[in-house]
Amino acid sequence: MSSHYQHHVFFCLNQREDGGACCGAHNAQAMQEYAKKRCKALGISGGEGQVRINKAGCLNRCELGPVLVVYPEAVWYTFVDEQDIDEIIESHLVGGKPVERLMVDH
């Protein structure tokens, strides 16, 4: 069985009310919106066989946050800024080569 999308990317946007570690406190929403806009500008987002950027609730890895995960490969990343997002998009989503320096599991 193959994936509908070439890459399906989920950004954790969890915001904890109790002040605990959470991805939402690390600019995750702005980075998700940036990734979506960037993929659209590159012409790689949309329907079947392309890239889909989605928001997610808690992915239960907030201590590593902020995090995103790319499926179907199940590659988990952390990120700091737009340059990190650009590197993930260009290397992994476009070029097919995961970015080891940003991976949280390797």
C-alpha atoms as a PDB file:
ATOM      1  CA  MET A   1       0.000   0.000   0.000  1.00  0.00           C
ATOM      2  CA  SER A   2       1.428   3.392  -0.945  1.00  0.00           C
ATOM      3  CA  SER A   3       0.923   6.765   0.649  1.00  0.00           C
ATOM      4  CA  HIS A   4      -1.485   9.210  -0.990  1.00  0.00           C
ATOM      5  CA  TYR A   5       1.099  11.960  -0.600  1.00  0.00           C
ATOM      6  CA  GLN A   6       4.761  11.686  -1.502  1.00  0.00           C
ATOM      7  CA  HIS A   7       5.466  13.300   1.888  1.00  0.00           C
ATOM      8  CA  HIS A   8       2.959  14.087   4.630  1.00  0.00           C
ATOM      9  CA  VAL A   9       4.390  16.492   7.222  1.00  0.00           C
ATOM     10  CA  PHE A  10       2.870  17.026  10.659  1.00  0.00           C
ATOM     11  CA  PHE A  11       3.931  19.952  12.845  1.00  0.00           C
ATOM     12  CA  CYS A  12       3.151  19.613  16.538  1.00  0.00           C
ATOM     13  CA  LEU A  13       1.429  22.844  17.620  1.00  0.00           C
ATOM     14  CA  ASN A  14       0.590  21.704  21.144  1.00  0.00           C
ATOM     15  CA  GLN A  15       0.258  24.484  23.730  1.00  0.00           C
ATOM     16  CA  ARG A  16       0.309  23.415  27.388  1.00  0.00           C
ATOM     17  CA  GLU A  17      -1.675  25.546  29.805  1.00  0.00           C
ATOM     18  CA  ASP A  18       0.428  24.482  32.791  1.00  0.00           C
ATOM     19  CA  GLY A  19       3.630  25.993  31.430  1.00  0.00           C
ATOM     20  CA  GLY A  20       5.188  22.580  30.707  1.00  0.00           C
ATOM     21  CA  ALA A  21       7.413  21.917  27.705  1.00  0.00           C
ATOM     22  CA  CYS A  22       5.453  22.275  24.484  1.00  0.00           C
ATOM     23  CA  CYS A  23       6.102  22.820  20.800  1.00  0.00           C
ATOM     24  CA  GLY A  24       3.682  25.738  20.644  1.00  0.00           C
ATOM     25  CA  ALA A  25       6.012  27.776  22.845  1.00  0.00           C
ATOM     26  CA  HIS A  26       8.792  27.467  20.245  1.00  0.00           C
ATOM     27  CA  ASN A  27       7.243  29.287  17.272  1.00  0.00           C
ATOM     28  CA  ALA A  28       5.854  26.036  15.850  1.00  0.00           C
ATOM     29  CA  GLN A  29       2.740  27.597  14.325  1.00  0.00           C
ATOM     30  CA  ALA A  30       4.696  30.265  12.452  1.00  0.00           C
ATOM     31  CA  MET A  31       7.100  27.600  11.149  1.00  0.00           C
ATOM     32  CA  GLN A  32       4.186  25.390  10.017  1.00  0.00           C
ATOM     33  CA  GLU A  33       2.637  28.323   8.157  1.00  0.00           C
ATOM     34  CA  TYR A  34       6.024  29.166   6.636  1.00  0.00           C
ATOM     35  CA  ALA A  35       6.552  25.556   5.458  1.00  0.00           C
ATOM     36  CA  LYS A  36       3.086  25.459   3.897  1.00  0.00           C
ATOM     37  CA  LYS A  37       3.686  28.744   2.065  1.00  0.00           C
ATOM     38  CA  ARG A  38       7.172  27.696   0.962  1.00  0.00           C
ATOM     39  CA  CYS A  39       6.016  24.329  -0.420  1.00  0.00           C
ATOM     40  CA  LYS A  40       3.209  26.063  -2.289  1.00  0.00           C
ATOM     41  CA  ALA A  41       5.676  28.586  -3.774  1.00  0.00           C
ATOM     42  CA  LEU A  42       7.900  25.704  -4.908  1.00  0.00           C
ATOM     43  CA  GLY A  43       4.911  24.014  -6.567  1.00  0.00           C
ATOM     44  CA  ILE A  44       5.324  20.801  -4.565  1.00  0.00           C
ATOM     45  CA  SER A  45       2.229  20.973  -2.355  1.00  0.00           C
ATOM     46  CA  GLY A  46      -1.283  19.953  -3.135  1.00  0.00           C
ATOM     47  CA  GLY A  47      -2.842  16.689  -4.067  1.00  0.00           C
ATOM     48  CA  GLU A  48      -1.887  13.116  -4.666  1.00  0.00           C
ATOM     49  CA  GLY A  49       1.811  12.443  -5.103  1.00  0.00           C
ATOM     50  CA  GLN A  50       2.826  15.814  -3.675  1.00  0.00           C
ATOM     51  CA  VAL A  51       3.665  17.258  -0.249  1.00  0.00           C
ATOM     52  CA  ARG A  52       1.021  17.972   2.383  1.00  0.00           C
ATOM     53  CA  ILE A  53       1.847  20.189   5.381  1.00  0.00           C
ATOM     54  CA  ASN A  54      -0.517  19.682   8.339  1.00  0.00           C
ATOM     55  CA  LYS A  55      -1.013  20.972  11.861  1.00  0.00           C
ATOM     56  CA  ALA A  56      -1.102  18.370  14.615  1.00  0.00           C
ATOM     57  CA  GLY A  57      -2.046  18.324  18.233  1.00  0.00           C
ATOM     58  CA  CYS A  58       0.356  16.848  20.740  1.00  0.00           C
ATOM     59  CA  LEU A  59       2.681  14.265  19.204  1.00  0.00           C
ATOM     60  CA  ASN A  60       3.899  13.377  22.718  1.00  0.00           C
ATOM     61  CA  ARG A  61       7.516  14.401  22.069  1.00  0.00           C
ATOM     62  CA  CYS A  62       7.383  17.929  23.483  1.00  0.00           C
ATOM     63  CA  GLU A  63      10.596  17.425  25.451  1.00  0.00           C
ATOM     64  CA  LEU A  64      12.395  17.305  22.076  1.00  0.00           C
ATOM     65  CA  GLY A  65      10.431  20.221  20.688  1.00  0.00           C
ATOM     66  CA  PRO A  66       9.597  21.794  18.607  1.00  0.00           C
ATOM     67  CA  VAL A  67       9.054  18.719  16.455  1.00  0.00           C
ATOM     68  CA  LEU A  68       7.660  17.750  13.095  1.00  0.00           C
ATOM     69  CA  VAL A  69       7.418  14.319  11.513  1.00  0.00           C
ATOM     70  CA  VAL A  70       7.607  13.404   7.821  1.00  0.00           C
ATOM     71  CA  TYR A  71       5.666  10.372   6.594  1.00  0.00           C
ATOM     72  CA  PRO A  72       5.754   7.818   5.075  1.00  0.00           C
ATOM     73  CA  GLU A  73       9.398   7.663   6.226  1.00  0.00           C
ATOM     74  CA  ALA A  74       8.544   8.506   9.879  1.00  0.00           C
ATOM     75  CA  VAL A  75      11.510  10.877  10.141  1.00  0.00           C
ATOM     76  CA  TRP A  76      11.302  13.154  13.189  1.00  0.00           C
ATOM     77  CA  TYR A  77      12.895  16.593  13.126  1.00  0.00           C
ATOM     78  CA  THR A  78      13.425  19.494  15.433  1.00  0.00           C
ATOM     79  CA  PHE A  79      13.952  23.027  14.121  1.00  0.00           C
ATOM     80  CA  VAL A  80      14.812  26.530  15.248  1.00  0.00           C
ATOM     81  CA  ASP A  81      14.087  28.886  12.365  1.00  0.00           C
ATOM     82  CA  GLU A  82      13.076  29.303   8.723  1.00  0.00           C
ATOM     83  CA  GLN A  83      16.549  28.238   7.570  1.00  0.00           C
ATOM     84  CA  ASP A  84      16.037  24.841   9.241  1.00  0.00           C
ATOM     85  CA  ILE A  85      12.620  24.522   7.590  1.00  0.00           C
ATOM     86  CA  ASP A  86      14.138  25.453   4.212  1.00  0.00           C
ATOM     87  CA  GLU A  87      16.815  22.792   4.666  1.00  0.00           C
ATOM     88  CA  ILE A  88      14.216  20.110   5.489  1.00  0.00           C
ATOM     89  CA  ILE A  89      12.104  21.129   2.485  1.00  0.00           C
ATOM     90  CA  GLU A  90      14.977  21.328   0.020  1.00  0.00           C
ATOM     91  CA  SER A  91      16.952  18.302   1.171  1.00  0.00           C
ATOM     92  CA  HIS A  92      14.246  15.871   2.313  1.00  0.00           C
ATOM     93  CA  LEU A  93      10.983  16.858   0.638  1.00  0.00           C
ATOM     94  CA  VAL A  94      12.484  17.883  -2.715  1.00  0.00           C
ATOM     95  CA  GLY A  95      15.771  15.959  -2.802  1.00  0.00           C
ATOM     96  CA  GLY A  96      14.784  12.824  -0.891  1.00  0.00           C
ATOM     97  CA  LYS A  97      17.744  13.109   1.506  1.00  0.00           C
ATOM     98  CA  PRO A  98      16.864  13.415   5.221  1.00  0.00           C
ATOM     99  CA  VAL A  99      18.671  16.159   7.168  1.00  0.00           C
ATOM    100  CA  GLU A 100      20.613  14.230   9.803  1.00  0.00           C
ATOM    101  CA  ARG A 101      21.666  17.262  11.863  1.00  0.00           C
ATOM    102  CA  LEU A 102      17.996  18.110  12.566  1.00  0.00           C
ATOM    103  CA  MET A 103      16.755  14.548  13.159  1.00  0.00           C
ATOM    104  CA  VAL A 104      15.742  13.648  16.707  1.00  0.00           C
ATOM    105  CA  ASP A 105      16.018   9.871  16.126  1.00  0.00           C
ATOM    106  CA  HIS A 106      19.035   8.531  14.276  1.00  0.00           C
END
